[in-house]
Amino acid sequence: MFGNMGDMTKLLEGMQEQAQKMDEALASKTFSVKAGGGMVTVMMSGKGEVIDITIDDSLLEDRESLQILLISAVNDAIKMVEDNKKNSAMGMLGGMNPFGGATN
């Protein structure tokens, strides 16, 4: 079915190595997102861990606005990290879409 099993093993080992390299590359990336005109900044690693949050002093008196801006900034940062992971994975697969259909 797959032809030579040795070739399949080499292919899988190569893919595993590429995945490990991709994880290392993602860990070294950082993403910074600003909300509220820069009043809140969230910095996140490529692995999706929050590294830093900066809050303008003027927001400390307005809890509701602070919460809204924090949620917005964190969600935007998470989306950036996820999009980057997807793009990296698709690059690793050479544009192949394992889920069917064409990739854009």
Protein backbone atom coordinates (compact mmCIF):
# COMPACT_ATOMS: atom_id res chain seq x y z
CA MET A 1 0.00 0.00 0.00
CA PHE A 2 2.76 2.49 0.93
CA GLY A 3 5.53 0.82 -1.05
CA ASN A 4 8.75 0.51 0.85
CA MET A 5 8.12 0.77 4.61
CA GLY A 6 11.68 2.01 5.11
CA ASP A 7 10.90 5.00 2.91
CA MET A 8 7.75 5.67 4.92
CA THR A 9 9.72 5.51 8.18
CA LYS A 10 12.28 8.00 6.81
CA LEU A 11 9.47 10.30 5.70
CA LEU A 12 7.85 10.21 9.15
CA GLU A 13 11.18 10.80 10.88
CA GLY A 14 11.82 13.78 8.61
CA MET A 15 8.38 15.22 9.36
CA GLN A 16 8.95 14.75 13.10
CA GLU A 17 12.27 16.59 12.86
CA GLN A 18 10.63 19.43 10.90
CA ALA A 19 7.85 19.66 13.50
CA GLN A 20 10.43 19.94 16.28
CA LYS A 21 12.27 22.69 14.40
CA MET A 22 8.97 24.49 13.86
CA ASP A 23 8.21 24.31 17.61
CA GLU A 24 11.62 25.78 18.40
CA ALA A 25 11.11 28.57 15.88
CA LEU A 26 7.65 29.34 17.30
CA ALA A 27 9.03 29.50 20.83
CA SER A 28 11.52 32.18 19.78
CA LYS A 29 8.86 34.44 18.21
CA THR A 30 6.95 37.12 20.06
CA PHE A 31 3.75 38.91 19.10
CA SER A 32 2.68 42.29 20.41
CA VAL A 33 -0.90 43.55 20.19
CA LYS A 34 -2.21 46.97 21.18
CA ALA A 35 -5.79 47.82 22.08
CA GLY A 36 -7.49 51.10 22.86
CA GLY A 37 -5.04 53.15 20.84
CA GLY A 38 -2.09 51.63 22.68
CA MET A 39 -3.55 51.96 26.16
CA VAL A 40 -3.19 48.19 26.62
CA THR A 41 -0.39 46.13 25.10
CA VAL A 42 -0.15 42.34 25.32
CA MET A 43 3.01 40.48 24.32
CA MET A 44 2.71 36.76 23.68
CA SER A 45 5.21 34.06 22.76
CA GLY A 46 4.82 31.97 19.63
CA LYS A 47 3.68 29.13 21.89
CA GLY A 48 0.75 31.20 23.14
CA GLU A 49 2.08 32.20 26.55
CA VAL A 50 1.50 35.77 27.74
CA ILE A 51 4.92 37.31 28.33
CA ASP A 52 3.99 40.88 29.26
CA ILE A 53 1.00 43.17 29.67
CA THR A 54 1.33 46.95 29.73
CA ILE A 55 -1.58 49.09 30.95
CA ASP A 56 -1.82 52.87 30.68
CA ASP A 57 -2.25 54.43 34.13
CA SER A 58 -5.41 56.24 33.02
CA LEU A 59 -7.23 52.89 32.76
CA LEU A 60 -6.61 51.97 36.38
CA GLU A 61 -9.63 54.06 37.42
CA ASP A 62 -11.93 52.54 34.75
CA ARG A 63 -12.21 48.83 35.51
CA GLU A 64 -14.83 48.06 32.84
CA SER A 65 -12.83 49.65 30.00
CA LEU A 66 -9.67 47.93 31.24
CA GLN A 67 -11.38 44.54 31.18
CA ILE A 68 -12.76 45.09 27.67
CA LEU A 69 -9.38 46.21 26.31
CA LEU A 70 -7.51 43.34 28.00
CA ILE A 71 -9.92 40.77 26.61
CA SER A 72 -9.66 42.29 23.15
CA ALA A 73 -5.85 42.44 23.19
CA VAL A 74 -5.43 38.90 24.54
CA ASN A 75 -7.89 37.47 21.98
CA ASP A 76 -6.13 39.31 19.13
CA ALA A 77 -2.75 38.02 20.31
CA ILE A 78 -4.05 34.45 20.52
CA LYS A 79 -5.41 34.75 16.96
CA MET A 80 -2.03 36.02 15.72
CA VAL A 81 -0.23 33.09 17.35
CA GLU A 82 -2.72 30.55 15.95
CA ASP A 83 -2.52 32.04 12.44
CA ASN A 84 1.27 31.91 12.62
CA LYS A 85 1.17 28.25 13.73
CA LYS A 86 -1.17 27.36 10.84
CA ASN A 87 1.01 29.19 8.31
CA SER A 88 4.13 27.50 9.65
CA ALA A 89 2.48 24.08 9.51
CA MET A 90 1.26 24.65 5.97
CA GLY A 91 4.76 25.76 4.97
CA MET A 92 6.17 22.59 6.51
CA LEU A 93 3.71 20.52 4.48
CA GLY A 94 4.75 22.33 1.32
CA GLY A 95 1.25 23.67 0.64
CA MET A 96 -0.31 20.23 0.98
CA ASN A 97 -3.65 20.37 2.76
CA PRO A 98 -4.08 17.12 4.73
CA PHE A 99 -7.72 18.02 5.40
CA GLY A 100 -8.73 18.04 1.75
CA GLY A 101 -9.41 20.88 -0.63
CA ALA A 102 -7.02 23.40 -2.02
CA THR A 103 -4.88 25.70 0.08
CA ASN A 104 -4.72 29.41 -0.61
